[in-house]
């Protein structure tokens, strides 16, 4: 996954959000499996396990704010906005 390659954490919530958006795109959100909701945390964990993703520990280095933080934020949001427009990303896939 590109998210993981870029160093972003990929959690169950991310996996389930993508699955939910995909099912919504196919108009299959209303379906359940054996009367139970298909998109559960267990499913997200199972998908991550099958992709050989492991839970990473947080480091303290990430808590330090760089001196040019405001400029980095502006650049980050500009890149996201450009990517969303170019690739027609669904709003449901944009997670803050």
C-alpha atoms as a PDB file:
ATOM      1  CA  UNK A   1       0.000   0.000   0.000  1.00  0.00           C
ATOM      2  CA  UNK A   2       1.214   3.490  -0.801  1.00  0.00           C
ATOM      3  CA  UNK A   3       0.229   4.744   2.649  1.00  0.00           C
ATOM      4  CA  UNK A   4       2.532   2.247   4.323  1.00  0.00           C
ATOM      5  CA  UNK A   5       5.341   2.891   1.807  1.00  0.00           C
ATOM      6  CA  UNK A   6       5.199   6.596   2.702  1.00  0.00           C
ATOM      7  CA  UNK A   7       5.509   5.737   6.403  1.00  0.00           C
ATOM      8  CA  UNK A   8       1.898   6.445   7.380  1.00  0.00           C
ATOM      9  CA  UNK A   9       0.299   4.103   9.906  1.00  0.00           C
ATOM     10  CA  UNK A  10      -2.336   1.773   8.479  1.00  0.00           C
ATOM     11  CA  UNK A  11      -4.808   0.731  11.170  1.00  0.00           C
ATOM     12  CA  UNK A  12      -8.035  -1.250  11.307  1.00  0.00           C
ATOM     13  CA  UNK A  13      -9.910   2.043  11.059  1.00  0.00           C
ATOM     14  CA  UNK A  14      -8.167   2.885   7.761  1.00  0.00           C
ATOM     15  CA  UNK A  15      -8.831  -0.587   6.328  1.00  0.00           C
ATOM     16  CA  UNK A  16     -12.503  -0.469   7.343  1.00  0.00           C
ATOM     17  CA  UNK A  17     -12.929   3.064   5.963  1.00  0.00           C
ATOM     18  CA  UNK A  18     -11.579   1.989   2.595  1.00  0.00           C
ATOM     19  CA  UNK A  19     -13.784  -1.128   2.619  1.00  0.00           C
ATOM     20  CA  UNK A  20     -16.848   0.939   3.576  1.00  0.00           C
ATOM     21  CA  UNK A  21     -16.187   3.457   0.778  1.00  0.00           C
ATOM     22  CA  UNK A  22     -15.662   0.648  -1.733  1.00  0.00           C
ATOM     23  CA  UNK A  23     -18.899  -1.084  -0.731  1.00  0.00           C
ATOM     24  CA  UNK A  24     -20.735   2.236  -0.841  1.00  0.00           C
ATOM     25  CA  UNK A  25     -19.365   2.849  -4.336  1.00  0.00           C
ATOM     26  CA  UNK A  26     -20.736  -0.571  -5.381  1.00  0.00           C
ATOM     27  CA  UNK A  27     -24.001   0.092  -3.487  1.00  0.00           C
ATOM     28  CA  UNK A  28     -23.395  -2.950  -1.267  1.00  0.00           C
ATOM     29  CA  UNK A  29     -23.227  -1.160   2.100  1.00  0.00           C
ATOM     30  CA  UNK A  30     -26.603  -2.497   3.160  1.00  0.00           C
ATOM     31  CA  UNK A  31     -25.535  -6.153   2.940  1.00  0.00           C
ATOM     32  CA  UNK A  32     -24.627  -8.215   5.975  1.00  0.00           C
ATOM     33  CA  UNK A  33     -23.176 -11.695   6.423  1.00  0.00           C
ATOM     34  CA  UNK A  34     -25.394 -14.142   8.341  1.00  0.00           C
ATOM     35  CA  UNK A  35     -27.368 -11.261   9.846  1.00  0.00           C
ATOM     36  CA  UNK A  36     -24.258  -9.564  11.255  1.00  0.00           C
ATOM     37  CA  UNK A  37     -22.409  -6.486  10.105  1.00  0.00           C
ATOM     38  CA  UNK A  38     -19.559  -7.434   7.733  1.00  0.00           C
ATOM     39  CA  UNK A  39     -17.258  -4.518   8.535  1.00  0.00           C
ATOM     40  CA  UNK A  40     -16.010  -5.337  12.014  1.00  0.00           C
ATOM     41  CA  UNK A  41     -12.735  -4.664  13.778  1.00  0.00           C
ATOM     42  CA  UNK A  42     -11.989  -8.386  13.554  1.00  0.00           C
ATOM     43  CA  UNK A  43     -12.265  -8.190   9.757  1.00  0.00           C
ATOM     44  CA  UNK A  44      -9.918  -5.196   9.661  1.00  0.00           C
ATOM     45  CA  UNK A  45      -7.395  -7.007  11.848  1.00  0.00           C
ATOM     46  CA  UNK A  46      -7.704 -10.117   9.666  1.00  0.00           C
ATOM     47  CA  UNK A  47      -7.005  -8.131   6.508  1.00  0.00           C
ATOM     48  CA  UNK A  48      -3.966  -6.476   8.102  1.00  0.00           C
ATOM     49  CA  UNK A  49      -2.693  -9.872   9.286  1.00  0.00           C
ATOM     50  CA  UNK A  50      -3.063 -11.366   5.797  1.00  0.00           C
ATOM     51  CA  UNK A  51      -1.112  -8.428   4.377  1.00  0.00           C
ATOM     52  CA  UNK A  52       1.637  -9.130   6.962  1.00  0.00           C
ATOM     53  CA  UNK A  53       1.216  -5.720   8.580  1.00  0.00           C
ATOM     54  CA  UNK A  54       2.310  -5.527  12.200  1.00  0.00           C
ATOM     55  CA  UNK A  55       1.400  -3.009  14.860  1.00  0.00           C
ATOM     56  CA  UNK A  56       4.165  -0.445  15.254  1.00  0.00           C
ATOM     57  CA  UNK A  57       5.099   1.275  18.473  1.00  0.00           C
ATOM     58  CA  UNK A  58       5.068   5.049  18.694  1.00  0.00           C
ATOM     59  CA  UNK A  59       8.410   6.778  19.147  1.00  0.00           C
ATOM     60  CA  UNK A  60       9.015   9.929  21.148  1.00  0.00           C
ATOM     61  CA  UNK A  61      10.788  11.622  18.229  1.00  0.00           C
ATOM     62  CA  UNK A  62       7.419  12.250  16.564  1.00  0.00           C
ATOM     63  CA  UNK A  63       6.363  14.468  19.478  1.00  0.00           C
ATOM     64  CA  UNK A  64       8.940  17.134  18.554  1.00  0.00           C
ATOM     65  CA  UNK A  65       7.529  19.920  16.393  1.00  0.00           C
ATOM     66  CA  UNK A  66       9.854  21.214  13.649  1.00  0.00           C
ATOM     67  CA  UNK A  67      10.669  24.917  13.452  1.00  0.00           C
ATOM     68  CA  UNK A  68       8.937  25.285  10.061  1.00  0.00           C
ATOM     69  CA  UNK A  69       5.791  23.426  11.155  1.00  0.00           C
ATOM     70  CA  UNK A  70       3.317  25.950   9.664  1.00  0.00           C
ATOM     71  CA  UNK A  71       4.984  25.803   6.244  1.00  0.00           C
ATOM     72  CA  UNK A  72       5.082  21.996   6.354  1.00  0.00           C
ATOM     73  CA  UNK A  73       1.347  21.914   7.182  1.00  0.00           C
ATOM     74  CA  UNK A  74       0.550  24.236   4.294  1.00  0.00           C
ATOM     75  CA  UNK A  75       2.607  22.098   1.881  1.00  0.00           C
ATOM     76  CA  UNK A  76       0.961  18.912   3.183  1.00  0.00           C
ATOM     77  CA  UNK A  77      -2.589  20.203   2.682  1.00  0.00           C
ATOM     78  CA  UNK A  78      -1.703  21.519  -0.780  1.00  0.00           C
ATOM     79  CA  UNK A  79      -0.403  18.090  -1.785  1.00  0.00           C
ATOM     80  CA  UNK A  80      -3.529  16.378  -0.443  1.00  0.00           C
ATOM     81  CA  UNK A  81      -5.817  18.811  -2.241  1.00  0.00           C
ATOM     82  CA  UNK A  82      -3.953  18.299  -5.527  1.00  0.00           C
ATOM     83  CA  UNK A  83      -3.996  14.503  -5.143  1.00  0.00           C
ATOM     84  CA  UNK A  84      -7.721  14.432  -4.297  1.00  0.00           C
ATOM     85  CA  UNK A  85      -8.578  16.512  -7.376  1.00  0.00           C
ATOM     86  CA  UNK A  86      -6.281  14.596  -9.754  1.00  0.00           C
ATOM     87  CA  UNK A  87      -7.410  11.137  -8.637  1.00  0.00           C
ATOM     88  CA  UNK A  88     -11.089  11.843  -7.813  1.00  0.00           C
ATOM     89  CA  UNK A  89     -10.727  10.544  -4.259  1.00  0.00           C
ATOM     90  CA  UNK A  90     -14.013   9.985  -2.395  1.00  0.00           C
ATOM     91  CA  UNK A  91     -14.554  12.268   0.612  1.00  0.00           C
ATOM     92  CA  UNK A  92     -15.052   9.155   2.782  1.00  0.00           C
ATOM     93  CA  UNK A  93     -11.443   8.133   2.154  1.00  0.00           C
ATOM     94  CA  UNK A  94     -10.005  11.371   3.518  1.00  0.00           C
ATOM     95  CA  UNK A  95      -9.258  10.816   7.193  1.00  0.00           C
ATOM     96  CA  UNK A  96      -7.988  13.512   9.520  1.00  0.00           C
END
